[in-house]
Amino acid sequence: MKQMKNKGFALPVALFLLVVMSVMASTLMNVSSTDHKNNDLKDTNQQAFYAAESGIAQAKKYVVNQKNLTPQNDPNNNLKFCKTSLFPNLQQGSVRAINNYIGSNNLSELISGSSQIEKERLNNFSYEYFITYSPDKNGLTNNPQKKSGTNNIYYSIFSCGCNGTKTACRINTNTIIPLEAVVTIVSP
């Protein structure tokens, strides 16, 4: 009679172990999937940051090669995604772009010598920038800011990197990384 009590014991144990292992596998897949998504987001943000840095580098080249730099119109009229509202130190509605110049490009158009796969990936990242006189304490960009006792003029470059082509980037739907840099033009 004692042997009758142990009959059928293996089946419930096997089912219990199967359920426990299934839960563990499901949890592992969920964690792995979340990590993958986080890594993709981190990569996108980092590449958009590098795109914004590329815009700053291009703007510096532009500023250095110009003879006459004067503020003209509101850059928002020509910008697709790098709007002045992304920069809290600017007084909205009064921002004037130097020479009314707006720069933009896809990274694939800027970086050469890479493989076709890399070109396709770089085509999905772009930058856009505008240049102003450095803003004063009120956020106005109408007048040049100078260090006292010099004729050196400070310009600010406002650049944004985006995880999309320069025609497809939109605020609220793409990752947009805004950066600002100050350039000093030394006058003799």
N, C-alpha and C. Protein backbone atom coordinates (compact mmCIF):
# COMPACT_ATOMS: atom_id res chain seq x y z
N MET A 1 0.79 -1.19 0.00
CA MET A 1 0.00 0.00 0.00
C MET A 1 0.84 1.27 0.00
N LYS A 2 1.99 1.21 0.57
CA LYS A 2 2.82 2.40 0.63
C LYS A 2 3.28 2.84 -0.77
N GLN A 3 3.41 1.93 -1.70
CA GLN A 3 3.84 2.29 -3.04
C GLN A 3 2.76 3.06 -3.78
N MET A 4 1.56 2.96 -3.47
CA MET A 4 0.47 3.65 -4.14
C MET A 4 0.52 5.15 -3.93
N LYS A 5 1.02 5.63 -2.80
CA LYS A 5 1.05 7.07 -2.52
C LYS A 5 2.04 7.80 -3.41
N ASN A 6 3.08 7.18 -3.91
CA ASN A 6 4.11 7.82 -4.73
C ASN A 6 3.77 7.81 -6.21
N LYS A 7 2.74 7.12 -6.63
CA LYS A 7 2.37 7.06 -8.04
C LYS A 7 1.90 8.42 -8.53
N GLY A 8 2.36 8.85 -9.74
CA GLY A 8 1.93 10.11 -10.34
C GLY A 8 2.67 11.33 -9.81
N PHE A 9 3.66 11.15 -8.98
CA PHE A 9 4.41 12.27 -8.41
C PHE A 9 5.30 12.96 -9.45
N ALA A 10 5.86 12.24 -10.38
CA ALA A 10 6.79 12.78 -11.37
C ALA A 10 6.10 13.75 -12.32
N LEU A 11 4.87 13.51 -12.69
CA LEU A 11 4.16 14.38 -13.63
C LEU A 11 3.96 15.78 -13.08
N PRO A 12 3.44 15.97 -11.87
CA PRO A 12 3.29 17.34 -11.36
C PRO A 12 4.64 18.07 -11.19
N VAL A 13 5.66 17.33 -10.78
CA VAL A 13 6.99 17.95 -10.63
C VAL A 13 7.51 18.40 -11.99
N ALA A 14 7.35 17.55 -13.00
CA ALA A 14 7.81 17.89 -14.34
C ALA A 14 7.05 19.09 -14.88
N LEU A 15 5.74 19.15 -14.67
CA LEU A 15 4.95 20.31 -15.12
C LEU A 15 5.35 21.58 -14.38
N PHE A 16 5.58 21.46 -13.08
CA PHE A 16 6.01 22.62 -12.30
C PHE A 16 7.36 23.15 -12.80
N LEU A 17 8.31 22.25 -13.03
CA LEU A 17 9.62 22.66 -13.54
C LEU A 17 9.50 23.28 -14.93
N LEU A 18 8.63 22.74 -15.76
CA LEU A 18 8.41 23.29 -17.10
C LEU A 18 7.87 24.72 -17.01
N VAL A 19 6.92 24.97 -16.10
CA VAL A 19 6.36 26.31 -15.92
C VAL A 19 7.43 27.27 -15.41
N VAL A 20 8.22 26.85 -14.44
CA VAL A 20 9.29 27.70 -13.88
C VAL A 20 10.31 28.05 -14.96
N MET A 21 10.72 27.06 -15.74
CA MET A 21 11.69 27.31 -16.80
C MET A 21 11.11 28.20 -17.89
N SER A 22 9.83 28.07 -18.20
CA SER A 22 9.19 28.92 -19.20
C SER A 22 9.15 30.37 -18.72
N VAL A 23 8.83 30.58 -17.45
CA VAL A 23 8.82 31.94 -16.89
C VAL A 23 10.23 32.53 -16.94
N MET A 24 11.22 31.74 -16.58
CA MET A 24 12.61 32.23 -16.62
C MET A 24 13.02 32.59 -18.06
N ALA A 25 12.67 31.78 -19.03
CA ALA A 25 13.01 32.05 -20.43
C ALA A 25 12.31 33.32 -20.92
N SER A 26 11.05 33.46 -20.56
CA SER A 26 10.29 34.65 -20.95
C SER A 26 10.90 35.92 -20.35
N THR A 27 11.29 35.85 -19.08
CA THR A 27 11.92 37.00 -18.42
C THR A 27 13.24 37.33 -19.08
N LEU A 28 14.03 36.33 -19.40
CA LEU A 28 15.32 36.54 -20.06
C LEU A 28 15.14 37.18 -21.43
N MET A 29 14.15 36.74 -22.18
CA MET A 29 13.88 37.34 -23.50
C MET A 29 13.44 38.79 -23.35
N ASN A 30 12.63 39.09 -22.35
CA ASN A 30 12.16 40.46 -22.13
C ASN A 30 13.32 41.37 -21.76
N VAL A 31 14.19 40.91 -20.87
CA VAL A 31 15.36 41.71 -20.47
C VAL A 31 16.27 41.95 -21.67
N SER A 32 16.50 40.91 -22.44
CA SER A 32 17.36 41.02 -23.63
C SER A 32 16.77 42.01 -24.64
N SER A 33 15.49 41.94 -24.86
CA SER A 33 14.82 42.85 -25.80
C SER A 33 14.91 44.30 -25.32
N THR A 34 14.69 44.52 -24.03
CA THR A 34 14.79 45.87 -23.47
C THR A 34 16.20 46.42 -23.61
N ASP A 35 17.21 45.60 -23.33
CA ASP A 35 18.60 46.02 -23.48
C ASP A 35 18.90 46.39 -24.93
N HIS A 36 18.40 45.61 -25.86
CA HIS A 36 18.63 45.88 -27.28
C HIS A 36 18.01 47.22 -27.68
N LYS A 37 16.79 47.47 -27.23
CA LYS A 37 16.13 48.75 -27.54
C LYS A 37 16.88 49.92 -26.93
N ASN A 38 17.35 49.77 -25.69
CA ASN A 38 18.12 50.83 -25.04
C ASN A 38 19.44 51.10 -25.77
N ASN A 39 20.10 50.05 -26.23
CA ASN A 39 21.34 50.23 -26.98
C ASN A 39 21.08 50.94 -28.31
N ASP A 40 19.99 50.60 -28.98
CA ASP A 40 19.64 51.28 -30.23
C ASP A 40 19.38 52.76 -29.99
N LEU A 41 18.66 53.07 -28.92
CA LEU A 41 18.36 54.47 -28.59
C LEU A 41 19.64 55.23 -28.26
N LYS A 42 20.52 54.60 -27.50
CA LYS A 42 21.79 55.23 -27.14
C LYS A 42 22.64 55.49 -28.40
N ASP A 43 22.66 54.53 -29.31
CA ASP A 43 23.40 54.69 -30.56
C ASP A 43 22.81 55.82 -31.40
N THR A 44 21.49 55.89 -31.47
CA THR A 44 20.83 56.96 -32.22
C THR A 44 21.16 58.31 -31.63
N ASN A 45 21.07 58.44 -30.32
CA ASN A 45 21.39 59.71 -29.66
C ASN A 45 22.84 60.11 -29.88
N GLN A 46 23.74 59.15 -29.79
CA GLN A 46 25.16 59.44 -29.97
C GLN A 46 25.44 59.87 -31.40
N GLN A 47 24.85 59.21 -32.38
CA GLN A 47 25.08 59.58 -33.77
C GLN A 47 24.46 60.95 -34.08
N ALA A 48 23.31 61.26 -33.49
CA ALA A 48 22.71 62.59 -33.68
C ALA A 48 23.60 63.67 -33.04
N PHE A 49 24.22 63.35 -31.91
CA PHE A 49 25.17 64.28 -31.29
C PHE A 49 26.35 64.54 -32.22
N TYR A 50 26.90 63.46 -32.80
CA TYR A 50 28.02 63.63 -33.74
C TYR A 50 27.60 64.43 -34.97
N ALA A 51 26.38 64.25 -35.41
CA ALA A 51 25.88 65.04 -36.54
C ALA A 51 25.84 66.53 -36.17
N ALA A 52 25.38 66.84 -34.95
CA ALA A 52 25.36 68.24 -34.50
C ALA A 52 26.77 68.80 -34.42
N GLU A 53 27.72 67.99 -33.95
CA GLU A 53 29.12 68.43 -33.91
C GLU A 53 29.65 68.70 -35.32
N SER A 54 29.23 67.90 -36.29
CA SER A 54 29.64 68.12 -37.68
C SER A 54 29.11 69.45 -38.18
N GLY A 55 27.89 69.80 -37.77
CA GLY A 55 27.34 71.10 -38.14
C GLY A 55 28.16 72.24 -37.57
N ILE A 56 28.59 72.11 -36.33
CA ILE A 56 29.43 73.14 -35.72
C ILE A 56 30.74 73.28 -36.48
N ALA A 57 31.35 72.17 -36.85
CA ALA A 57 32.62 72.22 -37.60
C ALA A 57 32.42 72.91 -38.95
N GLN A 58 31.33 72.60 -39.64
CA GLN A 58 31.06 73.24 -40.93
C GLN A 58 30.79 74.73 -40.75
N ALA A 59 30.07 75.10 -39.71
CA ALA A 59 29.78 76.52 -39.46
C ALA A 59 31.06 77.30 -39.15
N LYS A 60 31.97 76.68 -38.42
CA LYS A 60 33.25 77.35 -38.13
C LYS A 60 34.00 77.64 -39.42
N LYS A 61 34.01 76.70 -40.33
CA LYS A 61 34.65 76.92 -41.63
C LYS A 61 34.00 78.10 -42.36
N TYR A 62 32.68 78.15 -42.30
CA TYR A 62 31.96 79.23 -42.97
C TYR A 62 32.34 80.59 -42.36
N VAL A 63 32.32 80.68 -41.04
CA VAL A 63 32.60 81.95 -40.36
C VAL A 63 34.02 82.43 -40.68
N VAL A 64 34.96 81.54 -40.65
CA VAL A 64 36.36 81.92 -40.89
C VAL A 64 36.56 82.43 -42.31
N ASN A 65 35.82 81.91 -43.27
CA ASN A 65 36.01 82.29 -44.68
C ASN A 65 35.18 83.48 -45.13
N GLN A 66 34.44 84.11 -44.24
CA GLN A 66 33.60 85.25 -44.62
C GLN A 66 34.28 86.56 -44.29
N LYS A 67 34.04 87.55 -45.12
CA LYS A 67 34.60 88.90 -44.89
C LYS A 67 33.62 89.79 -44.15
N ASN A 68 32.36 89.70 -44.51
CA ASN A 68 31.35 90.57 -43.93
C ASN A 68 30.28 89.71 -43.25
N LEU A 69 30.19 89.80 -41.94
CA LEU A 69 29.22 89.02 -41.19
C LEU A 69 28.23 89.97 -40.51
N THR A 70 27.00 89.97 -40.99
CA THR A 70 25.98 90.86 -40.41
C THR A 70 24.69 90.08 -40.15
N PRO A 71 24.00 90.40 -39.06
CA PRO A 71 22.73 89.72 -38.78
C PRO A 71 21.65 90.19 -39.75
N GLN A 72 20.82 89.26 -40.18
CA GLN A 72 19.78 89.62 -41.14
C GLN A 72 18.41 89.14 -40.68
N ASN A 73 17.93 87.99 -41.15
CA ASN A 73 16.55 87.57 -40.88
C ASN A 73 16.48 86.46 -39.84
N ASP A 74 15.25 86.24 -39.36
CA ASP A 74 14.97 85.16 -38.42
C ASP A 74 15.29 83.82 -39.10
N PRO A 75 16.18 83.01 -38.53
CA PRO A 75 16.55 81.75 -39.18
C PRO A 75 15.42 80.74 -39.23
N ASN A 76 14.41 80.87 -38.36
CA ASN A 76 13.31 79.89 -38.34
C ASN A 76 12.60 79.80 -39.68
N ASN A 77 12.67 80.88 -40.48
CA ASN A 77 12.01 80.87 -41.78
C ASN A 77 12.60 79.81 -42.72
N ASN A 78 13.88 79.51 -42.55
CA ASN A 78 14.55 78.58 -43.45
C ASN A 78 14.93 77.26 -42.79
N LEU A 79 14.77 77.14 -41.50
CA LEU A 79 15.15 75.92 -40.79
C LEU A 79 14.05 74.87 -40.88
N LYS A 80 14.46 73.62 -41.00
CA LYS A 80 13.48 72.51 -41.02
C LYS A 80 13.24 71.96 -39.62
N PHE A 81 14.33 71.72 -38.85
CA PHE A 81 14.16 71.09 -37.54
C PHE A 81 14.97 71.74 -36.44
N CYS A 82 15.96 72.53 -36.74
CA CYS A 82 16.82 73.15 -35.72
C CYS A 82 16.24 74.53 -35.36
N LYS A 83 15.11 74.54 -34.76
CA LYS A 83 14.41 75.79 -34.45
C LYS A 83 15.06 76.51 -33.27
N THR A 84 14.94 77.81 -33.24
CA THR A 84 15.53 78.62 -32.17
C THR A 84 14.93 78.26 -30.82
N SER A 85 13.74 77.71 -30.79
CA SER A 85 13.09 77.34 -29.52
C SER A 85 13.84 76.22 -28.80
N LEU A 86 14.72 75.50 -29.48
CA LEU A 86 15.50 74.45 -28.84
C LEU A 86 16.63 75.01 -27.98
N PHE A 87 16.86 76.32 -28.07
CA PHE A 87 17.95 76.96 -27.34
C PHE A 87 17.35 77.99 -26.37
N PRO A 88 17.27 77.64 -25.09
CA PRO A 88 16.58 78.49 -24.12
C PRO A 88 17.26 79.84 -23.85
N ASN A 89 18.52 80.01 -24.23
CA ASN A 89 19.19 81.28 -23.98
C ASN A 89 18.92 82.33 -25.06
N LEU A 90 18.10 81.98 -26.07
CA LEU A 90 17.76 82.93 -27.13
C LEU A 90 16.40 83.56 -26.87
N GLN A 91 16.30 84.85 -27.14
CA GLN A 91 15.02 85.56 -27.04
C GLN A 91 14.23 85.26 -28.31
N GLN A 92 13.18 84.45 -28.18
CA GLN A 92 12.41 84.03 -29.35
C GLN A 92 11.79 85.23 -30.07
N GLY A 93 11.82 85.19 -31.39
CA GLY A 93 11.25 86.25 -32.21
C GLY A 93 12.24 87.35 -32.54
N SER A 94 13.38 87.39 -31.87
CA SER A 94 14.34 88.45 -32.15
C SER A 94 15.68 87.90 -32.65
N VAL A 95 15.76 86.62 -32.92
CA VAL A 95 17.01 86.00 -33.37
C VAL A 95 17.25 86.36 -34.83
N ARG A 96 18.49 86.75 -35.14
CA ARG A 96 18.86 87.10 -36.50
C ARG A 96 20.07 86.28 -36.92
N ALA A 97 19.93 85.56 -38.02
CA ALA A 97 21.03 84.73 -38.52
C ALA A 97 22.04 85.60 -39.25
N ILE A 98 23.31 85.32 -39.03
CA ILE A 98 24.38 86.04 -39.72
C ILE A 98 24.31 85.72 -41.21
N ASN A 99 24.31 86.78 -42.02
CA ASN A 99 24.23 86.68 -43.48
C ASN A 99 23.05 85.83 -43.95
N ASN A 100 22.06 85.66 -43.07
CA ASN A 100 20.88 84.86 -43.36
C ASN A 100 21.27 83.46 -43.85
N TYR A 101 22.38 82.96 -43.34
CA TYR A 101 22.92 81.69 -43.80
C TYR A 101 22.47 80.56 -42.90
N ILE A 102 21.96 79.51 -43.52
CA ILE A 102 21.55 78.29 -42.83
C ILE A 102 22.30 77.14 -43.51
N GLY A 103 22.98 76.32 -42.72
CA GLY A 103 23.66 75.16 -43.28
C GLY A 103 22.96 73.88 -42.89
N SER A 104 22.91 72.93 -43.82
CA SER A 104 22.33 71.62 -43.50
C SER A 104 22.91 70.58 -44.45
N ASN A 105 22.95 69.35 -43.97
CA ASN A 105 23.49 68.28 -44.79
C ASN A 105 23.18 66.94 -44.13
N ASN A 106 23.17 65.89 -44.94
CA ASN A 106 23.16 64.53 -44.41
C ASN A 106 24.61 64.14 -44.18
N LEU A 107 24.87 63.33 -43.18
CA LEU A 107 26.25 62.92 -42.92
C LEU A 107 26.85 62.15 -44.09
N SER A 108 26.03 61.45 -44.87
CA SER A 108 26.55 60.69 -46.01
C SER A 108 27.11 61.62 -47.08
N GLU A 109 26.63 62.86 -47.14
CA GLU A 109 27.14 63.83 -48.11
C GLU A 109 28.42 64.48 -47.62
N LEU A 110 28.69 64.40 -46.34
CA LEU A 110 29.85 65.03 -45.74
C LEU A 110 31.02 64.07 -45.60
N ILE A 111 30.73 62.82 -45.28
CA ILE A 111 31.77 61.83 -45.02
C ILE A 111 31.93 60.95 -46.25
N SER A 112 33.15 60.92 -46.79
CA SER A 112 33.39 60.12 -47.99
C SER A 112 34.32 58.95 -47.66
N GLY A 113 34.41 58.03 -48.60
CA GLY A 113 35.32 56.91 -48.44
C GLY A 113 34.80 55.79 -47.58
N SER A 114 33.52 55.76 -47.29
CA SER A 114 32.98 54.67 -46.48
C SER A 114 32.25 53.68 -47.36
N SER A 115 31.96 52.51 -46.81
CA SER A 115 31.28 51.46 -47.57
C SER A 115 29.85 51.87 -47.88
N GLN A 116 29.23 51.16 -48.79
CA GLN A 116 27.85 51.45 -49.17
C GLN A 116 26.91 51.29 -47.98
N ILE A 117 27.13 50.28 -47.16
CA ILE A 117 26.29 50.08 -45.98
C ILE A 117 26.43 51.25 -45.02
N GLU A 118 27.67 51.71 -44.82
CA GLU A 118 27.90 52.85 -43.93
C GLU A 118 27.30 54.13 -44.51
N LYS A 119 27.36 54.31 -45.83
CA LYS A 119 26.75 55.49 -46.46
C LYS A 119 25.25 55.50 -46.24
N GLU A 120 24.63 54.34 -46.36
CA GLU A 120 23.18 54.24 -46.14
C GLU A 120 22.84 54.58 -44.69
N ARG A 121 23.67 54.11 -43.76
CA ARG A 121 23.43 54.42 -42.34
C ARG A 121 23.64 55.91 -42.09
N LEU A 122 24.71 56.49 -42.65
CA LEU A 122 24.98 57.91 -42.46
C LEU A 122 23.93 58.80 -43.11
N ASN A 123 23.29 58.30 -44.15
CA ASN A 123 22.23 59.06 -44.80
C ASN A 123 21.04 59.28 -43.88
N ASN A 124 20.94 58.47 -42.83
CA ASN A 124 19.83 58.59 -41.88
C ASN A 124 20.13 59.56 -40.75
N PHE A 125 21.21 60.30 -40.84
CA PHE A 125 21.55 61.31 -39.83
C PHE A 125 21.92 62.61 -40.54
N SER A 126 21.42 63.70 -40.02
CA SER A 126 21.69 64.99 -40.65
C SER A 126 21.90 66.05 -39.59
N TYR A 127 22.37 67.19 -40.06
CA TYR A 127 22.57 68.34 -39.17
C TYR A 127 22.05 69.59 -39.86
N GLU A 128 21.80 70.58 -39.04
CA GLU A 128 21.35 71.88 -39.52
C GLU A 128 21.89 72.91 -38.53
N TYR A 129 22.33 74.05 -39.03
CA TYR A 129 22.88 75.06 -38.11
C TYR A 129 22.58 76.46 -38.61
N PHE A 130 22.70 77.39 -37.68
CA PHE A 130 22.65 78.82 -38.00
C PHE A 130 23.63 79.53 -37.09
N ILE A 131 24.04 80.72 -37.50
CA ILE A 131 25.06 81.48 -36.78
C ILE A 131 24.46 82.84 -36.42
N THR A 132 24.74 83.30 -35.21
CA THR A 132 24.28 84.62 -34.76
C THR A 132 25.42 85.32 -34.04
N TYR A 133 25.23 86.62 -33.79
CA TYR A 133 26.09 87.23 -32.78
C TYR A 133 25.77 86.48 -31.49
N SER A 134 26.75 86.36 -30.62
CA SER A 134 26.47 85.71 -29.34
C SER A 134 25.39 86.49 -28.61
N PRO A 135 24.43 85.79 -28.02
CA PRO A 135 23.34 86.50 -27.35
C PRO A 135 23.82 87.27 -26.13
N ASP A 136 23.19 88.42 -25.90
CA ASP A 136 23.49 89.18 -24.69
C ASP A 136 22.73 88.56 -23.52
N LYS A 137 22.78 89.20 -22.35
CA LYS A 137 22.14 88.61 -21.16
C LYS A 137 20.63 88.48 -21.30
N ASN A 138 20.03 89.23 -22.24
CA ASN A 138 18.59 89.14 -22.47
C ASN A 138 18.23 88.16 -23.60
N GLY A 139 19.25 87.53 -24.18
CA GLY A 139 19.00 86.58 -25.26
C GLY A 139 18.87 87.21 -26.62
N LEU A 140 19.23 88.48 -26.75
CA LEU A 140 19.13 89.20 -28.03
C LEU A 140 20.42 89.00 -28.83
N THR A 141 20.27 88.87 -30.15
CA THR A 141 21.41 88.61 -31.03
C THR A 141 21.62 89.72 -32.06
N ASN A 142 21.10 90.90 -31.79
CA ASN A 142 21.16 91.99 -32.77
C ASN A 142 22.50 92.71 -32.80
N ASN A 143 23.21 92.74 -31.68
CA ASN A 143 24.44 93.52 -31.58
C ASN A 143 25.62 92.62 -31.25
N PRO A 144 26.80 92.98 -31.79
CA PRO A 144 27.98 92.15 -31.50
C PRO A 144 28.38 92.25 -30.04
N GLN A 145 28.77 91.12 -29.48
CA GLN A 145 29.30 91.07 -28.13
C GLN A 145 30.82 91.09 -28.23
N LYS A 146 31.44 92.00 -27.51
CA LYS A 146 32.89 92.15 -27.56
C LYS A 146 33.46 92.09 -26.16
N LYS A 147 34.67 91.58 -26.07
CA LYS A 147 35.39 91.63 -24.81
C LYS A 147 35.93 93.05 -24.67
N SER A 148 35.75 93.63 -23.50
CA SER A 148 36.15 95.03 -23.32
C SER A 148 37.64 95.20 -23.61
N GLY A 149 37.95 96.29 -24.33
CA GLY A 149 39.33 96.61 -24.67
C GLY A 149 39.82 95.94 -25.94
N THR A 150 38.96 95.18 -26.61
CA THR A 150 39.37 94.52 -27.87
C THR A 150 38.31 94.76 -28.93
N ASN A 151 38.66 94.43 -30.15
CA ASN A 151 37.69 94.46 -31.25
C ASN A 151 37.22 93.06 -31.61
N ASN A 152 37.56 92.08 -30.78
CA ASN A 152 37.16 90.70 -31.03
C ASN A 152 35.64 90.57 -30.89
N ILE A 153 35.03 89.89 -31.86
CA ILE A 153 33.58 89.72 -31.86
C ILE A 153 33.26 88.25 -31.63
N TYR A 154 32.26 88.01 -30.78
CA TYR A 154 31.82 86.65 -30.44
C TYR A 154 30.60 86.29 -31.29
N TYR A 155 30.68 85.13 -31.91
CA TYR A 155 29.56 84.58 -32.67
C TYR A 155 29.16 83.26 -32.02
N SER A 156 27.88 82.95 -32.08
CA SER A 156 27.39 81.67 -31.57
C SER A 156 26.91 80.83 -32.74
N ILE A 157 27.29 79.58 -32.70
CA ILE A 157 26.82 78.61 -33.69
C ILE A 157 25.81 77.72 -32.98
N PHE A 158 24.64 77.62 -33.55
CA PHE A 158 23.59 76.77 -33.01
C PHE A 158 23.39 75.64 -34.02
N SER A 159 23.66 74.41 -33.59
CA SER A 159 23.60 73.27 -34.49
C SER A 159 22.74 72.17 -33.86
N CYS A 160 22.03 71.47 -34.72
CA CYS A 160 21.21 70.34 -34.27
C CYS A 160 21.53 69.12 -35.11
N GLY A 161 21.63 67.98 -34.47
CA GLY A 161 21.77 66.71 -35.15
C GLY A 161 20.46 65.97 -35.06
N CYS A 162 20.14 65.20 -36.10
CA CYS A 162 18.85 64.51 -36.14
C CYS A 162 19.03 63.11 -36.70
N ASN A 163 18.21 62.18 -36.22
CA ASN A 163 18.23 60.81 -36.73
C ASN A 163 17.26 60.66 -37.90
N GLY A 164 17.49 61.41 -38.93
CA GLY A 164 16.69 61.36 -40.14
C GLY A 164 17.36 62.20 -41.21
N THR A 165 16.85 62.11 -42.42
CA THR A 165 17.41 62.94 -43.48
C THR A 165 17.04 64.39 -43.22
N LYS A 166 17.78 65.31 -43.85
CA LYS A 166 17.54 66.73 -43.59
C LYS A 166 16.14 67.18 -44.02
N THR A 167 15.50 66.44 -44.90
CA THR A 167 14.14 66.79 -45.32
C THR A 167 13.08 66.08 -44.49
N ALA A 168 13.47 65.04 -43.74
CA ALA A 168 12.48 64.24 -43.01
C ALA A 168 12.45 64.50 -41.52
N CYS A 169 13.42 65.23 -40.98
CA CYS A 169 13.47 65.46 -39.53
C CYS A 169 12.35 66.38 -39.09
N ARG A 170 11.72 66.00 -38.00
CA ARG A 170 10.64 66.80 -37.43
C ARG A 170 10.78 66.79 -35.91
N ILE A 171 10.51 67.93 -35.29
CA ILE A 171 10.48 68.00 -33.84
C ILE A 171 9.33 67.13 -33.37
N ASN A 172 9.51 66.43 -32.27
CA ASN A 172 8.53 65.53 -31.63
C ASN A 172 8.44 64.16 -32.29
N THR A 173 9.06 63.94 -33.45
CA THR A 173 9.03 62.60 -34.05
C THR A 173 10.42 62.02 -34.24
N ASN A 174 11.44 62.84 -34.21
CA ASN A 174 12.82 62.38 -34.38
C ASN A 174 13.63 62.76 -33.15
N THR A 175 14.78 62.10 -33.00
CA THR A 175 15.73 62.48 -31.96
C THR A 175 16.51 63.68 -32.49
N ILE A 176 16.41 64.81 -31.80
CA ILE A 176 17.12 66.02 -32.20
C ILE A 176 17.99 66.45 -31.03
N ILE A 177 19.29 66.58 -31.29
CA ILE A 177 20.25 66.98 -30.27
C ILE A 177 20.74 68.39 -30.60
N PRO A 178 20.42 69.39 -29.77
CA PRO A 178 20.91 70.76 -30.01
C PRO A 178 22.26 70.99 -29.32
N LEU A 179 23.16 71.67 -30.01
CA LEU A 179 24.46 72.06 -29.46
C LEU A 179 24.72 73.53 -29.78
N GLU A 180 25.51 74.16 -28.93
CA GLU A 180 25.89 75.55 -29.17
C GLU A 180 27.39 75.68 -28.95
N ALA A 181 28.01 76.48 -29.81
CA ALA A 181 29.44 76.77 -29.67
C ALA A 181 29.65 78.26 -29.89
N VAL A 182 30.65 78.82 -29.22
CA VAL A 182 30.99 80.23 -29.39
C VAL A 182 32.31 80.32 -30.13
N VAL A 183 32.33 81.18 -31.13
CA VAL A 183 33.54 81.41 -31.93
C VAL A 183 33.92 82.88 -31.77
N THR A 184 35.20 83.12 -31.58
CA THR A 184 35.70 84.49 -31.48
C THR A 184 36.46 84.84 -32.74
N ILE A 185 36.06 85.92 -33.38
CA ILE A 185 36.80 86.42 -34.54
C ILE A 185 37.72 87.52 -34.02
N VAL A 186 39.02 87.29 -34.16
CA VAL A 186 40.03 88.22 -33.64
C VAL A 186 40.28 89.29 -34.67
N SER A 187 40.07 90.54 -34.25
CA SER A 187 40.32 91.68 -35.13
C SER A 187 41.63 92.35 -34.73
N PRO A 188 42.40 92.78 -35.72
CA PRO A 188 43.67 93.44 -35.39
C PRO A 188 43.50 94.78 -34.72
